[in-house]
Every structure is written in structure tokens, then in C-alpha cells.
Amino acid sequence: MDTPARQRWRIIFAKESPLRYISHLDLYRTWERIFRRAGIRVAYSKGFNPQPRIQLAAALPVGYIGSAEVMDVVLEEVIEVGDLLHCLQSVAPVGLQVREAYPVPLESPALQAQLCQAEYRVHVRTPLAGEEIAQRVAAFLSLTHFLQERTRQRRIETIDLRPLVDDLRLEHCTNGEAVLWMRVKSGAQGSVRPETVLEALGLRDASPRIERTRLIWQES
């Protein structure tokens, strides 16, 4: 039996360093357990194998952290925002911080359908001076096209990277570490990972520290 949907919440949360190496599926399962432990009744989908109506906006690759991740959840009960936040955070594991929650209409489009951009802050180790990195950023932004190969699902494909990068800047470079901010396409119209942008700039690092700081929707 499917359960009645009474309320839909959009929850903003942070996935911090202690959880950076858990997968997208594991994060989904973690949220299932959090709602169960909090005693909050989540509505379930219809069909032969009903699933909790929890929807994460965009998968965060293993190794990334996120300071403003977004999730929608449909409940079969009505709850006040203060009670929701308190109940969730009281049982959330270390590394998962519930930041904000607000109700949205039950019939709102799926989060993935509305996503269009994502912003990142990237820390990368490099021997290059800040002036050299800034020049490379400016040269990249001046281009109309930038063809690059990438491996996707074990296949090599050629993409035009430049239209996928909406903005890019060097924030600072000190003591052999550069910090870049970027806004890139994300969603059905195309997407790109920060590592691909780093490669285009000649800033290869085996383990850059990448934080997704914002998800941007079409209506924004």
C-alpha cells in the first residue's frame, strides 16, 4: 500500500569531510536511516517495490564535500520546521549538518529537472605563481571553444568544454596552493566536473580538495 503524501520539504544540508568518501547511494541510505531514527514518517512510492520519496538534487562524487546540498522529501504527516530540523540533526551522523528547510508544493517538478548550474571551490597544489594561473584563466575565458577528451562510462568522448564553464576565477594562490572558484553547467543540458576544468588549465593534482558550494535552479 502506498502512503498518503501530506507535505513536501526542501532541505539544505552540508556533507562535510568525515563523509566525503561515502557514495551517492550510501548517502541516500543514510538519509533513510535518519528519518527512521527521527520518527518522521516518509511517504513511499507506488508499485511493486515501494521506495521512500527522498530525492537528492545531484550526486556528489566520492571525495567531494558540499556545503549547500539539496534534498526533497515527501512526508505522510505535517510537521513544523523547528521540529523537523531538531529531529533530523539530533540523529544525523558526524559530518552531516542540516542547515535549512522549507515547504514546497507537492506537485513541484523533480529537482533534477530544474538543475542548471553548480558552483565549486577547488583547492589544488601547484608550483605555478598566481600571476601565471590568472593568465591561464583569462586565456580560457577568452575562448569560444575548447575541445577536450574525457572518459565517460569507459568510453572516450570529445566535448567542447568552454560552453560548459559559465564563470571562473582565481581566488588566491599562496604557499603552493591555488584556490579557484567556478560556476559550471549541471543538469540535462550538459555538465562538467571541476577536474576537467583543472586539466584544461594545466593544473593537474592527484587529489584536489573540491567543495560544491551552491546548486542553481532554472527559476533562479
C-alpha atoms as a PDB file:
ATOM      1  CA  MET A   1       0.000   0.000   0.000  1.00  0.00           C
ATOM      2  CA  ASP A   2       1.240   3.446  -0.864  1.00  0.00           C
ATOM      3  CA  THR A   3       1.065   6.027   1.886  1.00  0.00           C
ATOM      4  CA  PRO A   4      -0.659   9.415   1.540  1.00  0.00           C
ATOM      5  CA  ALA A   5       1.514  12.431   0.785  1.00  0.00           C
ATOM      6  CA  ARG A   6       0.803  15.293   3.158  1.00  0.00           C
ATOM      7  CA  GLN A   7       3.831  17.573   2.969  1.00  0.00           C
ATOM      8  CA  ARG A   8       6.965  18.081   0.852  1.00  0.00           C
ATOM      9  CA  TRP A   9      10.080  19.666   2.327  1.00  0.00           C
ATOM     10  CA  ARG A  10      13.198  21.015   0.643  1.00  0.00           C
ATOM     11  CA  ILE A  11      16.166  20.509   2.935  1.00  0.00           C
ATOM     12  CA  ILE A  12      19.555  22.208   2.623  1.00  0.00           C
ATOM     13  CA  PHE A  13      22.406  20.297   4.221  1.00  0.00           C
ATOM     14  CA  ALA A  14      26.187  20.039   4.314  1.00  0.00           C
ATOM     15  CA  LYS A  15      28.145  16.871   3.623  1.00  0.00           C
ATOM     16  CA  GLU A  16      31.431  17.513   5.378  1.00  0.00           C
ATOM     17  CA  SER A  17      34.888  15.907   5.450  1.00  0.00           C
ATOM     18  CA  PRO A  18      34.018  12.894   7.671  1.00  0.00           C
ATOM     19  CA  LEU A  19      31.568  11.733   4.975  1.00  0.00           C
ATOM     20  CA  ARG A  20      33.467  12.778   1.862  1.00  0.00           C
ATOM     21  CA  TYR A  21      34.222   9.195   0.812  1.00  0.00           C
ATOM     22  CA  ILE A  22      30.710   7.765   1.033  1.00  0.00           C
ATOM     23  CA  SER A  23      28.906   7.183  -2.250  1.00  0.00           C
ATOM     24  CA  HIS A  24      25.708   8.786  -3.503  1.00  0.00           C
ATOM     25  CA  LEU A  25      23.794   5.567  -2.794  1.00  0.00           C
ATOM     26  CA  ASP A  26      25.215   5.359   0.720  1.00  0.00           C
ATOM     27  CA  LEU A  27      24.200   8.977   1.334  1.00  0.00           C
ATOM     28  CA  TYR A  28      20.653   8.160   0.222  1.00  0.00           C
ATOM     29  CA  ARG A  29      20.558   5.192   2.587  1.00  0.00           C
ATOM     30  CA  THR A  30      21.922   7.362   5.378  1.00  0.00           C
ATOM     31  CA  TRP A  31      19.011   9.763   4.935  1.00  0.00           C
ATOM     32  CA  GLU A  32      16.574   6.835   5.043  1.00  0.00           C
ATOM     33  CA  ARG A  33      18.002   5.810   8.413  1.00  0.00           C
ATOM     34  CA  ILE A  34      17.986   9.392   9.710  1.00  0.00           C
ATOM     35  CA  PHE A  35      14.261   9.816   9.036  1.00  0.00           C
ATOM     36  CA  ARG A  36      13.520   6.418  10.533  1.00  0.00           C
ATOM     37  CA  ARG A  37      15.506   7.147  13.704  1.00  0.00           C
ATOM     38  CA  ALA A  38      13.947  10.601  13.961  1.00  0.00           C
ATOM     39  CA  GLY A  39      10.466   9.056  13.907  1.00  0.00           C
ATOM     40  CA  ILE A  40       9.420  11.128  10.886  1.00  0.00           C
ATOM     41  CA  ARG A  41       7.036   9.255   8.578  1.00  0.00           C
ATOM     42  CA  VAL A  42       8.232   9.436   4.981  1.00  0.00           C
ATOM     43  CA  ALA A  43       5.729   8.710   2.193  1.00  0.00           C
ATOM     44  CA  TYR A  44       6.514   5.831  -0.162  1.00  0.00           C
ATOM     45  CA  SER A  45       6.199   5.490  -3.924  1.00  0.00           C
ATOM     46  CA  LYS A  46       3.671   3.228  -5.584  1.00  0.00           C
ATOM     47  CA  GLY A  47       4.438  -0.024  -7.344  1.00  0.00           C
ATOM     48  CA  PHE A  48       5.798  -3.488  -6.695  1.00  0.00           C
ATOM     49  CA  ASN A  49       8.884  -2.207  -4.840  1.00  0.00           C
ATOM     50  CA  PRO A  50       7.873   0.981  -2.969  1.00  0.00           C
ATOM     51  CA  GLN A  51      10.711   3.372  -2.159  1.00  0.00           C
ATOM     52  CA  PRO A  52      10.847   6.284   0.282  1.00  0.00           C
ATOM     53  CA  ARG A  53      10.138   9.543  -1.525  1.00  0.00           C
ATOM     54  CA  ILE A  54      13.540  11.067  -0.860  1.00  0.00           C
ATOM     55  CA  GLN A  55      15.193  12.869  -3.758  1.00  0.00           C
ATOM     56  CA  LEU A  56      18.753  14.203  -3.737  1.00  0.00           C
ATOM     57  CA  ALA A  57      19.212  17.021  -6.230  1.00  0.00           C
ATOM     58  CA  ALA A  58      22.540  15.938  -7.702  1.00  0.00           C
ATOM     59  CA  ALA A  59      25.034  13.209  -6.979  1.00  0.00           C
ATOM     60  CA  LEU A  60      28.136  14.456  -5.181  1.00  0.00           C
ATOM     61  CA  PRO A  61      31.153  12.480  -6.422  1.00  0.00           C
ATOM     62  CA  VAL A  62      33.122  10.458  -3.905  1.00  0.00           C
ATOM     63  CA  GLY A  63      35.805  12.651  -2.348  1.00  0.00           C
ATOM     64  CA  TYR A  64      33.859  15.896  -2.720  1.00  0.00           C
ATOM     65  CA  ILE A  65      32.278  17.828   0.111  1.00  0.00           C
ATOM     66  CA  GLY A  66      29.187  20.011  -0.217  1.00  0.00           C
ATOM     67  CA  SER A  67      28.176  22.997   1.886  1.00  0.00           C
ATOM     68  CA  ALA A  68      24.713  23.551   0.398  1.00  0.00           C
ATOM     69  CA  GLU A  69      23.378  20.233  -0.868  1.00  0.00           C
ATOM     70  CA  VAL A  70      19.657  19.987  -1.591  1.00  0.00           C
ATOM     71  CA  MET A  71      17.141  17.221  -0.976  1.00  0.00           C
ATOM     72  CA  ASP A  72      13.369  16.937  -1.284  1.00  0.00           C
ATOM     73  CA  VAL A  73      11.393  14.584   0.937  1.00  0.00           C
ATOM     74  CA  VAL A  74       7.667  13.863   0.915  1.00  0.00           C
ATOM     75  CA  LEU A  75       6.090  13.121   4.289  1.00  0.00           C
ATOM     76  CA  GLU A  76       2.836  11.417   5.216  1.00  0.00           C
ATOM     77  CA  GLU A  77       2.480  13.770   8.172  1.00  0.00           C
ATOM     78  CA  VAL A  78       2.538  17.517   8.773  1.00  0.00           C
ATOM     79  CA  ILE A  79       5.398  18.822  10.877  1.00  0.00           C
ATOM     80  CA  GLU A  80       6.658  22.260  11.916  1.00  0.00           C
ATOM     81  CA  VAL A  81      10.004  23.423  10.554  1.00  0.00           C
ATOM     82  CA  GLY A  82      11.587  23.763  14.001  1.00  0.00           C
ATOM     83  CA  ASP A  83      10.588  20.221  14.947  1.00  0.00           C
ATOM     84  CA  LEU A  84      11.826  18.878  11.603  1.00  0.00           C
ATOM     85  CA  LEU A  85      15.255  20.485  11.917  1.00  0.00           C
ATOM     86  CA  HIS A  86      15.679  19.458  15.546  1.00  0.00           C
ATOM     87  CA  CYS A  87      14.626  15.846  14.975  1.00  0.00           C
ATOM     88  CA  LEU A  88      16.889  15.400  11.951  1.00  0.00           C
ATOM     89  CA  GLN A  89      20.004  16.986  13.412  1.00  0.00           C
ATOM     90  CA  SER A  90      19.635  15.108  16.696  1.00  0.00           C
ATOM     91  CA  VAL A  91      20.164  11.774  14.917  1.00  0.00           C
ATOM     92  CA  ALA A  92      22.361  12.840  11.976  1.00  0.00           C
ATOM     93  CA  PRO A  93      25.887  11.352  11.914  1.00  0.00           C
ATOM     94  CA  VAL A  94      29.028  13.412  12.307  1.00  0.00           C
ATOM     95  CA  GLY A  95      29.717  15.169   9.017  1.00  0.00           C
ATOM     96  CA  LEU A  96      26.088  15.770   8.065  1.00  0.00           C
ATOM     97  CA  GLN A  97      24.724  19.176   9.039  1.00  0.00           C
ATOM     98  CA  VAL A  98      21.096  20.157   8.403  1.00  0.00           C
ATOM     99  CA  ARG A  99      21.176  23.860   7.543  1.00  0.00           C
ATOM    100  CA  GLU A 100      17.686  24.879   6.438  1.00  0.00           C
ATOM    101  CA  ALA A 101      14.276  23.506   5.462  1.00  0.00           C
ATOM    102  CA  TYR A 102      11.208  24.978   3.834  1.00  0.00           C
ATOM    103  CA  PRO A 103       7.984  23.514   2.399  1.00  0.00           C
ATOM    104  CA  VAL A 104       7.417  23.298  -1.360  1.00  0.00           C
ATOM    105  CA  PRO A 105       4.253  22.281  -3.266  1.00  0.00           C
ATOM    106  CA  LEU A 106       3.693  18.538  -3.515  1.00  0.00           C
ATOM    107  CA  GLU A 107       3.405  18.780  -7.297  1.00  0.00           C
ATOM    108  CA  SER A 108       6.709  20.657  -7.786  1.00  0.00           C
ATOM    109  CA  PRO A 109       8.900  19.328 -10.632  1.00  0.00           C
ATOM    110  CA  ALA A 110      11.687  16.917  -9.780  1.00  0.00           C
ATOM    111  CA  LEU A 111      14.830  18.615  -8.521  1.00  0.00           C
ATOM    112  CA  GLN A 112      16.970  17.108 -11.278  1.00  0.00           C
ATOM    113  CA  ALA A 113      14.702  18.593 -13.931  1.00  0.00           C
ATOM    114  CA  GLN A 114      15.244  22.115 -12.580  1.00  0.00           C
ATOM    115  CA  LEU A 115      19.009  22.000 -12.008  1.00  0.00           C
ATOM    116  CA  CYS A 116      21.083  24.053 -14.442  1.00  0.00           C
ATOM    117  CA  GLN A 117      24.355  25.120 -12.757  1.00  0.00           C
ATOM    118  CA  ALA A 118      26.660  24.308  -9.863  1.00  0.00           C
ATOM    119  CA  GLU A 119      29.343  26.341  -8.128  1.00  0.00           C
ATOM    120  CA  TYR A 120      32.553  24.905  -6.710  1.00  0.00           C
ATOM    121  CA  ARG A 121      35.571  25.992  -4.697  1.00  0.00           C
ATOM    122  CA  VAL A 122      38.665  23.980  -5.611  1.00  0.00           C
ATOM    123  CA  HIS A 123      41.973  23.776  -3.721  1.00  0.00           C
ATOM    124  CA  VAL A 124      44.828  22.499  -5.857  1.00  0.00           C
ATOM    125  CA  ARG A 125      48.544  22.071  -5.147  1.00  0.00           C
ATOM    126  CA  THR A 126      50.732  23.710  -7.791  1.00  0.00           C
ATOM    127  CA  PRO A 127      54.231  25.169  -8.232  1.00  0.00           C
ATOM    128  CA  LEU A 128      52.824  27.892 -10.507  1.00  0.00           C
ATOM    129  CA  ALA A 129      52.667  31.515  -9.425  1.00  0.00           C
ATOM    130  CA  GLY A 130      49.303  33.212  -9.027  1.00  0.00           C
ATOM    131  CA  GLU A 131      50.003  35.534 -11.958  1.00  0.00           C
ATOM    132  CA  GLU A 132      50.537  32.575 -14.297  1.00  0.00           C
ATOM    133  CA  ILE A 133      47.316  30.877 -13.148  1.00  0.00           C
ATOM    134  CA  ALA A 134      45.349  34.117 -13.540  1.00  0.00           C
ATOM    135  CA  GLN A 135      46.657  34.468 -17.093  1.00  0.00           C
ATOM    136  CA  ARG A 136      45.599  30.917 -17.912  1.00  0.00           C
ATOM    137  CA  VAL A 137      42.130  31.558 -16.504  1.00  0.00           C
ATOM    138  CA  ALA A 138      41.798  34.754 -18.565  1.00  0.00           C
ATOM    139  CA  ALA A 139      43.005  32.979 -21.718  1.00  0.00           C
ATOM    140  CA  PHE A 140      40.494  30.171 -21.225  1.00  0.00           C
ATOM    141  CA  LEU A 141      37.604  32.591 -20.660  1.00  0.00           C
ATOM    142  CA  SER A 142      38.528  34.490 -23.828  1.00  0.00           C
ATOM    143  CA  LEU A 143      37.961  31.390 -25.964  1.00  0.00           C
ATOM    144  CA  THR A 144      34.752  30.499 -27.754  1.00  0.00           C
ATOM    145  CA  HIS A 145      35.527  26.776 -27.947  1.00  0.00           C
ATOM    146  CA  PHE A 146      37.859  24.392 -26.142  1.00  0.00           C
ATOM    147  CA  LEU A 147      37.771  20.798 -27.348  1.00  0.00           C
ATOM    148  CA  GLN A 148      38.869  18.214 -24.829  1.00  0.00           C
ATOM    149  CA  GLU A 149      38.729  14.461 -24.442  1.00  0.00           C
ATOM    150  CA  ARG A 150      37.244  12.852 -21.348  1.00  0.00           C
ATOM    151  CA  THR A 151      36.426   9.307 -20.298  1.00  0.00           C
ATOM    152  CA  ARG A 152      32.789   8.619 -19.510  1.00  0.00           C
ATOM    153  CA  GLN A 153      31.353   5.179 -18.783  1.00  0.00           C
ATOM    154  CA  ARG A 154      34.646   3.648 -20.004  1.00  0.00           C
ATOM    155  CA  ARG A 155      34.416   5.459 -23.342  1.00  0.00           C
ATOM    156  CA  ILE A 156      36.496   8.371 -24.574  1.00  0.00           C
ATOM    157  CA  GLU A 157      34.456  11.268 -25.898  1.00  0.00           C
ATOM    158  CA  THR A 158      35.326  14.720 -27.170  1.00  0.00           C
ATOM    159  CA  ILE A 159      33.486  17.649 -25.616  1.00  0.00           C
ATOM    160  CA  ASP A 160      33.514  21.398 -26.139  1.00  0.00           C
ATOM    161  CA  LEU A 161      34.409  22.433 -22.613  1.00  0.00           C
ATOM    162  CA  ARG A 162      34.176  26.191 -22.976  1.00  0.00           C
ATOM    163  CA  PRO A 163      30.337  26.496 -23.191  1.00  0.00           C
ATOM    164  CA  LEU A 164      30.060  24.321 -20.086  1.00  0.00           C
ATOM    165  CA  VAL A 165      32.024  26.791 -17.924  1.00  0.00           C
ATOM    166  CA  ASP A 166      29.936  29.866 -17.136  1.00  0.00           C
ATOM    167  CA  ASP A 167      32.438  31.629 -14.880  1.00  0.00           C
ATOM    168  CA  LEU A 168      35.874  31.004 -13.440  1.00  0.00           C
ATOM    169  CA  ARG A 169      38.321  32.926 -11.292  1.00  0.00           C
ATOM    170  CA  LEU A 170      41.415  32.517  -9.160  1.00  0.00           C
ATOM    171  CA  GLU A 171      40.622  33.480  -5.569  1.00  0.00           C
ATOM    172  CA  HIS A 172      44.181  33.312  -4.250  1.00  0.00           C
ATOM    173  CA  CYS A 173      47.458  31.421  -4.545  1.00  0.00           C
ATOM    174  CA  THR A 174      49.855  31.101  -1.622  1.00  0.00           C
ATOM    175  CA  ASN A 175      52.374  28.563  -0.333  1.00  0.00           C
ATOM    176  CA  GLY A 176      51.994  26.274  -3.316  1.00  0.00           C
ATOM    177  CA  GLU A 177      48.188  26.068  -3.148  1.00  0.00           C
ATOM    178  CA  ALA A 178      45.759  27.757  -5.513  1.00  0.00           C
ATOM    179  CA  VAL A 179      42.077  28.222  -4.752  1.00  0.00           C
ATOM    180  CA  LEU A 180      39.736  28.582  -7.712  1.00  0.00           C
ATOM    181  CA  TRP A 181      36.027  29.308  -7.861  1.00  0.00           C
ATOM    182  CA  MET A 182      33.950  28.138 -10.793  1.00  0.00           C
ATOM    183  CA  ARG A 183      30.351  28.032 -11.968  1.00  0.00           C
ATOM    184  CA  VAL A 184      29.684  25.252 -14.459  1.00  0.00           C
ATOM    185  CA  LYS A 185      26.748  23.721 -16.249  1.00  0.00           C
ATOM    186  CA  SER A 186      24.995  20.906 -14.408  1.00  0.00           C
ATOM    187  CA  GLY A 187      21.882  19.095 -15.484  1.00  0.00           C
ATOM    188  CA  ALA A 188      20.152  17.845 -18.588  1.00  0.00           C
ATOM    189  CA  GLN A 189      21.765  20.480 -20.846  1.00  0.00           C
ATOM    190  CA  GLY A 190      25.255  19.179 -20.038  1.00  0.00           C
ATOM    191  CA  SER A 191      27.609  19.005 -17.122  1.00  0.00           C
ATOM    192  CA  VAL A 192      31.301  19.019 -16.324  1.00  0.00           C
ATOM    193  CA  ARG A 193      33.406  18.199 -13.279  1.00  0.00           C
ATOM    194  CA  PRO A 194      35.926  20.632 -11.791  1.00  0.00           C
ATOM    195  CA  GLU A 195      38.781  18.191 -12.503  1.00  0.00           C
ATOM    196  CA  THR A 196      38.121  18.609 -16.226  1.00  0.00           C
ATOM    197  CA  VAL A 197      38.457  22.378 -15.890  1.00  0.00           C
ATOM    198  CA  LEU A 198      41.688  21.965 -13.911  1.00  0.00           C
ATOM    199  CA  GLU A 199      43.098  19.800 -16.695  1.00  0.00           C
ATOM    200  CA  ALA A 200      42.248  22.465 -19.263  1.00  0.00           C
ATOM    201  CA  LEU A 201      44.202  24.990 -17.183  1.00  0.00           C
ATOM    202  CA  GLY A 202      47.189  22.663 -16.819  1.00  0.00           C
ATOM    203  CA  LEU A 203      46.567  22.354 -13.069  1.00  0.00           C
ATOM    204  CA  ARG A 204      46.735  18.625 -12.523  1.00  0.00           C
ATOM    205  CA  ASP A 205      46.545  17.401  -8.944  1.00  0.00           C
ATOM    206  CA  ALA A 206      46.046  13.775  -7.940  1.00  0.00           C
ATOM    207  CA  SER A 207      43.773  14.758  -5.057  1.00  0.00           C
ATOM    208  CA  PRO A 208      42.366  18.284  -5.276  1.00  0.00           C
ATOM    209  CA  ARG A 209      40.015  19.346  -2.480  1.00  0.00           C
ATOM    210  CA  ILE A 210      36.674  20.117  -4.081  1.00  0.00           C
ATOM    211  CA  GLU A 211      33.677  21.678  -2.370  1.00  0.00           C
ATOM    212  CA  ARG A 212      30.338  22.209  -4.067  1.00  0.00           C
ATOM    213  CA  THR A 213      29.075  25.469  -2.612  1.00  0.00           C
ATOM    214  CA  ARG A 214      25.817  26.050  -4.475  1.00  0.00           C
ATOM    215  CA  LEU A 215      23.263  24.426  -6.758  1.00  0.00           C
ATOM    216  CA  ILE A 216      21.373  26.763  -9.097  1.00  0.00           C
ATOM    217  CA  TRP A 217      17.896  26.170 -10.465  1.00  0.00           C
ATOM    218  CA  GLN A 218      16.296  27.365 -13.684  1.00  0.00           C
ATOM    219  CA  GLU A 219      13.910  29.723 -11.901  1.00  0.00           C
ATOM    220  CA  SER A 220      16.887  31.425 -10.140  1.00  0.00           C
END
